[in-house]
Amino acid sequence: MPLPPCPHCASGYTYEDGAQLVCPECGHEWRAGEPATEEEAARVVKDAVGNVLQDGDTVTVIKDLKVKGSSLVVKVGTKVRNIRLVDGDHDIDCKIDGIGQMGLKSEFVKKA
């Protein structure tokens, strides 16, 4: 009998650990046959200091971030306007002046 995929990341590599099912990719644990809770259904993205982020917010970068595949750096204090929240490893889709379209992790920004 195949195990169900992870309700958080849809990974098919779930395994049983006693009465629990575990996802090795995201670390989520749940009971088999248990419906997803409302908390899991309503995804909340928070910034580095715990403020809840929403689409269209303006955030400030709190750490120098190197841009992969480039010699560019997003400097501390850079304001990013009109963010869009997405699922995945990088929570924020945005456009940064002078750099262009990119994804950011919410742990490296704070709400402005």
N, C-alpha and C. Protein backbone atom coordinates (compact mmCIF):
# COMPACT_ATOMS: atom_id res chain seq x y z
N MET A 1 0.84 -1.17 0.00
CA MET A 1 0.00 0.00 0.00
C MET A 1 0.90 1.25 0.00
N PRO A 2 0.80 2.07 -1.03
CA PRO A 2 1.65 3.27 -1.08
C PRO A 2 1.21 4.31 -0.05
N LEU A 3 2.17 5.06 0.46
CA LEU A 3 1.88 6.10 1.44
C LEU A 3 1.47 7.38 0.71
N PRO A 4 0.61 8.19 1.33
CA PRO A 4 0.18 9.44 0.68
C PRO A 4 1.33 10.45 0.64
N PRO A 5 1.30 11.37 -0.32
CA PRO A 5 2.35 12.40 -0.38
C PRO A 5 2.18 13.39 0.77
N CYS A 6 3.23 14.13 1.05
CA CYS A 6 3.23 15.13 2.11
C CYS A 6 2.21 16.24 1.79
N PRO A 7 1.35 16.62 2.76
CA PRO A 7 0.37 17.68 2.50
C PRO A 7 1.01 19.07 2.41
N HIS A 8 2.25 19.23 2.89
CA HIS A 8 2.92 20.54 2.84
C HIS A 8 3.66 20.75 1.54
N CYS A 9 4.52 19.79 1.15
CA CYS A 9 5.38 20.01 -0.02
C CYS A 9 5.09 19.04 -1.16
N ALA A 10 4.14 18.13 -0.98
CA ALA A 10 3.72 17.15 -2.00
C ALA A 10 4.82 16.15 -2.36
N SER A 11 5.78 15.98 -1.48
CA SER A 11 6.85 15.00 -1.71
C SER A 11 6.29 13.59 -1.62
N GLY A 12 6.74 12.73 -2.50
CA GLY A 12 6.30 11.34 -2.50
C GLY A 12 7.18 10.44 -1.67
N TYR A 13 8.16 11.00 -0.96
CA TYR A 13 9.12 10.20 -0.19
C TYR A 13 8.74 10.06 1.27
N THR A 14 7.46 10.06 1.59
CA THR A 14 7.04 9.94 2.98
C THR A 14 7.32 8.54 3.52
N TYR A 15 7.49 8.45 4.83
CA TYR A 15 7.69 7.15 5.47
C TYR A 15 6.96 7.13 6.81
N GLU A 16 6.74 5.91 7.31
CA GLU A 16 6.03 5.72 8.58
C GLU A 16 7.02 5.72 9.73
N ASP A 17 6.61 6.35 10.84
CA ASP A 17 7.38 6.33 12.08
C ASP A 17 6.37 6.09 13.19
N GLY A 18 6.12 4.81 13.46
CA GLY A 18 5.08 4.46 14.42
C GLY A 18 3.72 4.77 13.82
N ALA A 19 2.92 5.59 14.53
CA ALA A 19 1.59 5.96 14.04
C ALA A 19 1.65 7.22 13.17
N GLN A 20 2.81 7.84 13.07
CA GLN A 20 2.97 9.08 12.32
C GLN A 20 3.50 8.81 10.92
N LEU A 21 3.20 9.72 9.99
CA LEU A 21 3.84 9.75 8.69
C LEU A 21 4.78 10.94 8.70
N VAL A 22 5.97 10.80 8.09
CA VAL A 22 6.98 11.83 8.14
C VAL A 22 7.48 12.12 6.73
N CYS A 23 7.70 13.40 6.44
CA CYS A 23 8.27 13.81 5.16
C CYS A 23 9.75 14.14 5.39
N PRO A 24 10.68 13.43 4.72
CA PRO A 24 12.10 13.70 4.93
C PRO A 24 12.56 15.01 4.28
N GLU A 25 11.79 15.54 3.34
CA GLU A 25 12.21 16.76 2.65
C GLU A 25 11.90 18.03 3.44
N CYS A 26 10.68 18.13 3.99
CA CYS A 26 10.32 19.35 4.73
C CYS A 26 10.21 19.12 6.23
N GLY A 27 10.22 17.85 6.68
CA GLY A 27 10.16 17.55 8.11
C GLY A 27 8.77 17.55 8.71
N HIS A 28 7.74 17.69 7.89
CA HIS A 28 6.36 17.71 8.39
C HIS A 28 5.95 16.33 8.86
N GLU A 29 5.23 16.28 10.00
CA GLU A 29 4.72 15.02 10.54
C GLU A 29 3.21 15.12 10.67
N TRP A 30 2.52 14.03 10.36
CA TRP A 30 1.06 13.99 10.48
C TRP A 30 0.61 12.56 10.65
N ARG A 31 -0.65 12.38 11.07
CA ARG A 31 -1.23 11.05 11.23
C ARG A 31 -1.92 10.66 9.93
N ALA A 32 -1.82 9.40 9.57
CA ALA A 32 -2.45 8.91 8.35
C ALA A 32 -3.97 9.05 8.45
N GLY A 33 -4.61 9.53 7.40
CA GLY A 33 -6.06 9.68 7.37
C GLY A 33 -6.56 10.91 8.08
N GLU A 34 -5.67 11.70 8.68
CA GLU A 34 -6.07 12.90 9.39
C GLU A 34 -6.16 14.06 8.41
N PRO A 35 -7.29 14.78 8.38
CA PRO A 35 -7.39 15.91 7.45
C PRO A 35 -6.45 17.03 7.86
N ALA A 36 -6.04 17.83 6.89
CA ALA A 36 -5.16 18.97 7.17
C ALA A 36 -5.90 19.97 8.06
N THR A 37 -5.21 20.54 9.02
CA THR A 37 -5.82 21.51 9.92
C THR A 37 -5.96 22.85 9.20
N GLU A 38 -6.76 23.73 9.76
CA GLU A 38 -6.95 25.04 9.16
C GLU A 38 -5.66 25.84 9.17
N GLU A 39 -4.83 25.64 10.21
CA GLU A 39 -3.56 26.35 10.28
C GLU A 39 -2.66 25.98 9.10
N GLU A 40 -2.64 24.70 8.74
CA GLU A 40 -1.81 24.26 7.63
C GLU A 40 -2.36 24.77 6.31
N ALA A 41 -3.68 24.87 6.20
CA ALA A 41 -4.30 25.33 4.97
C ALA A 41 -4.04 26.81 4.74
N ALA A 42 -4.09 27.60 5.79
CA ALA A 42 -3.85 29.04 5.67
C ALA A 42 -2.37 29.30 5.94
N ARG A 43 -1.59 29.43 4.90
CA ARG A 43 -0.15 29.63 5.02
C ARG A 43 0.14 31.07 5.42
N VAL A 44 0.95 31.24 6.46
CA VAL A 44 1.31 32.57 6.94
C VAL A 44 2.81 32.75 6.76
N VAL A 45 3.19 33.84 6.10
CA VAL A 45 4.61 34.16 5.89
C VAL A 45 4.96 35.32 6.80
N LYS A 46 6.02 35.14 7.61
CA LYS A 46 6.45 36.18 8.54
C LYS A 46 7.86 36.64 8.18
N ASP A 47 8.15 37.91 8.49
CA ASP A 47 9.48 38.44 8.22
C ASP A 47 10.43 38.06 9.35
N ALA A 48 11.63 38.61 9.35
CA ALA A 48 12.66 38.25 10.32
C ALA A 48 12.29 38.58 11.76
N VAL A 49 11.43 39.57 11.97
CA VAL A 49 11.05 39.95 13.32
C VAL A 49 9.66 39.49 13.71
N GLY A 50 8.99 38.72 12.85
CA GLY A 50 7.71 38.12 13.19
C GLY A 50 6.48 38.84 12.67
N ASN A 51 6.65 39.89 11.88
CA ASN A 51 5.50 40.58 11.29
C ASN A 51 4.95 39.75 10.14
N VAL A 52 3.63 39.68 10.03
CA VAL A 52 2.99 38.92 8.96
C VAL A 52 3.08 39.71 7.66
N LEU A 53 3.54 39.06 6.59
CA LEU A 53 3.66 39.70 5.29
C LEU A 53 2.47 39.37 4.41
N GLN A 54 2.12 40.32 3.53
CA GLN A 54 1.02 40.12 2.59
C GLN A 54 1.48 40.61 1.22
N ASP A 55 0.76 40.17 0.18
CA ASP A 55 1.05 40.64 -1.18
C ASP A 55 0.94 42.16 -1.22
N GLY A 56 1.88 42.80 -1.92
CA GLY A 56 1.85 44.24 -2.08
C GLY A 56 2.60 45.01 -1.01
N ASP A 57 3.09 44.36 0.04
CA ASP A 57 3.83 45.03 1.10
C ASP A 57 5.17 45.55 0.59
N THR A 58 5.75 46.48 1.34
CA THR A 58 7.10 46.96 1.11
C THR A 58 7.97 46.42 2.23
N VAL A 59 9.12 45.84 1.86
CA VAL A 59 10.02 45.27 2.86
C VAL A 59 11.42 45.86 2.67
N THR A 60 12.26 45.73 3.72
CA THR A 60 13.63 46.18 3.70
C THR A 60 14.54 44.99 3.93
N VAL A 61 15.61 44.88 3.15
CA VAL A 61 16.57 43.79 3.29
C VAL A 61 17.42 44.04 4.53
N ILE A 62 17.62 43.01 5.38
CA ILE A 62 18.36 43.19 6.63
C ILE A 62 19.77 42.62 6.60
N LYS A 63 20.19 42.08 5.46
CA LYS A 63 21.50 41.45 5.35
C LYS A 63 21.96 41.56 3.90
N ASP A 64 23.26 41.75 3.67
CA ASP A 64 23.78 41.73 2.30
C ASP A 64 23.51 40.36 1.70
N LEU A 65 22.90 40.32 0.52
CA LEU A 65 22.55 39.06 -0.13
C LEU A 65 23.25 38.97 -1.48
N LYS A 66 24.05 37.93 -1.67
CA LYS A 66 24.71 37.71 -2.95
C LYS A 66 23.68 37.12 -3.92
N VAL A 67 23.73 37.57 -5.17
CA VAL A 67 22.83 37.07 -6.19
C VAL A 67 23.53 35.92 -6.89
N LYS A 68 22.92 34.72 -6.83
CA LYS A 68 23.53 33.54 -7.44
C LYS A 68 23.73 33.73 -8.94
N GLY A 69 24.89 33.30 -9.44
CA GLY A 69 25.18 33.37 -10.85
C GLY A 69 25.57 34.76 -11.31
N SER A 70 25.86 35.63 -10.36
CA SER A 70 26.19 37.01 -10.70
C SER A 70 27.13 37.58 -9.65
N SER A 71 27.77 38.68 -9.97
CA SER A 71 28.63 39.34 -8.98
C SER A 71 27.88 40.43 -8.24
N LEU A 72 26.58 40.56 -8.50
CA LEU A 72 25.76 41.58 -7.85
C LEU A 72 25.45 41.23 -6.41
N VAL A 73 25.23 42.26 -5.60
CA VAL A 73 24.88 42.08 -4.19
C VAL A 73 23.70 42.99 -3.87
N VAL A 74 22.70 42.46 -3.18
CA VAL A 74 21.59 43.27 -2.67
C VAL A 74 22.04 43.77 -1.31
N LYS A 75 22.21 45.07 -1.18
CA LYS A 75 22.77 45.67 0.04
C LYS A 75 21.74 45.78 1.16
N VAL A 76 22.24 45.82 2.40
CA VAL A 76 21.40 46.04 3.58
C VAL A 76 20.67 47.36 3.41
N GLY A 77 19.39 47.39 3.76
CA GLY A 77 18.60 48.61 3.69
C GLY A 77 17.89 48.82 2.37
N THR A 78 18.12 47.93 1.40
CA THR A 78 17.43 48.05 0.11
C THR A 78 15.94 47.87 0.33
N LYS A 79 15.15 48.83 -0.16
CA LYS A 79 13.69 48.71 -0.06
C LYS A 79 13.16 47.98 -1.27
N VAL A 80 12.29 47.03 -1.01
CA VAL A 80 11.65 46.25 -2.07
C VAL A 80 10.16 46.50 -1.97
N ARG A 81 9.60 47.07 -3.03
CA ARG A 81 8.18 47.44 -3.02
C ARG A 81 7.35 46.40 -3.77
N ASN A 82 6.11 46.31 -3.36
CA ASN A 82 5.12 45.50 -4.08
C ASN A 82 5.52 44.03 -4.20
N ILE A 83 5.78 43.39 -3.06
CA ILE A 83 6.20 41.99 -3.07
C ILE A 83 5.01 41.08 -3.39
N ARG A 84 5.33 39.87 -3.83
CA ARG A 84 4.30 38.86 -4.09
C ARG A 84 4.72 37.60 -3.36
N LEU A 85 3.84 37.04 -2.52
CA LEU A 85 4.14 35.83 -1.77
C LEU A 85 3.89 34.61 -2.63
N VAL A 86 4.83 33.66 -2.58
CA VAL A 86 4.72 32.44 -3.38
C VAL A 86 5.08 31.24 -2.50
N ASP A 87 4.69 30.05 -2.96
CA ASP A 87 5.08 28.82 -2.26
C ASP A 87 6.46 28.42 -2.74
N GLY A 88 7.19 27.76 -1.88
CA GLY A 88 8.52 27.28 -2.25
C GLY A 88 9.56 27.70 -1.24
N ASP A 89 10.80 27.44 -1.59
CA ASP A 89 11.92 27.74 -0.70
C ASP A 89 12.06 29.25 -0.50
N HIS A 90 11.93 30.01 -1.56
CA HIS A 90 11.97 31.47 -1.49
C HIS A 90 10.53 31.96 -1.45
N ASP A 91 10.15 32.59 -0.33
CA ASP A 91 8.75 32.97 -0.08
C ASP A 91 8.28 34.19 -0.86
N ILE A 92 9.23 35.03 -1.31
CA ILE A 92 8.87 36.32 -1.88
C ILE A 92 9.38 36.43 -3.31
N ASP A 93 8.49 36.84 -4.21
CA ASP A 93 8.85 37.18 -5.58
C ASP A 93 8.83 38.69 -5.66
N CYS A 94 9.87 39.30 -6.24
CA CYS A 94 9.91 40.75 -6.30
C CYS A 94 10.80 41.23 -7.44
N LYS A 95 10.79 42.54 -7.66
CA LYS A 95 11.66 43.16 -8.63
C LYS A 95 12.46 44.22 -7.88
N ILE A 96 13.79 44.10 -7.96
CA ILE A 96 14.66 45.04 -7.26
C ILE A 96 15.31 45.95 -8.29
N ASP A 97 15.24 47.26 -8.06
CA ASP A 97 15.83 48.24 -8.98
C ASP A 97 17.33 47.96 -9.15
N GLY A 98 17.79 47.92 -10.39
CA GLY A 98 19.19 47.69 -10.69
C GLY A 98 19.58 46.24 -10.77
N ILE A 99 18.72 45.35 -10.31
CA ILE A 99 19.03 43.92 -10.33
C ILE A 99 18.01 43.16 -11.16
N GLY A 100 16.73 43.42 -10.94
CA GLY A 100 15.69 42.76 -11.71
C GLY A 100 14.85 41.81 -10.87
N GLN A 101 14.18 40.90 -11.56
CA GLN A 101 13.27 39.94 -10.92
C GLN A 101 14.07 38.92 -10.12
N MET A 102 13.63 38.65 -8.89
CA MET A 102 14.30 37.63 -8.08
C MET A 102 13.40 37.14 -6.96
N GLY A 103 13.84 36.06 -6.33
CA GLY A 103 13.14 35.50 -5.19
C GLY A 103 13.93 35.75 -3.92
N LEU A 104 13.24 36.06 -2.84
CA LEU A 104 13.88 36.29 -1.54
C LEU A 104 13.27 35.38 -0.50
N LYS A 105 14.04 35.08 0.52
CA LYS A 105 13.52 34.35 1.66
C LYS A 105 13.02 35.37 2.68
N SER A 106 11.90 35.09 3.30
CA SER A 106 11.30 36.03 4.24
C SER A 106 12.16 36.25 5.48
N GLU A 107 13.06 35.35 5.77
CA GLU A 107 13.91 35.49 6.95
C GLU A 107 14.97 36.58 6.80
N PHE A 108 15.16 37.11 5.58
CA PHE A 108 16.17 38.14 5.34
C PHE A 108 15.57 39.51 5.07
N VAL A 109 14.28 39.70 5.38
CA VAL A 109 13.63 40.99 5.19
C VAL A 109 12.81 41.35 6.43
N LYS A 110 12.53 42.64 6.56
CA LYS A 110 11.60 43.10 7.59
C LYS A 110 10.62 44.06 6.94
N LYS A 111 9.41 44.06 7.45
CA LYS A 111 8.35 44.90 6.90
C LYS A 111 8.68 46.36 7.12
N ALA A 112 8.52 47.16 6.08
CA ALA A 112 8.85 48.60 6.18
C ALA A 112 7.67 49.40 6.69
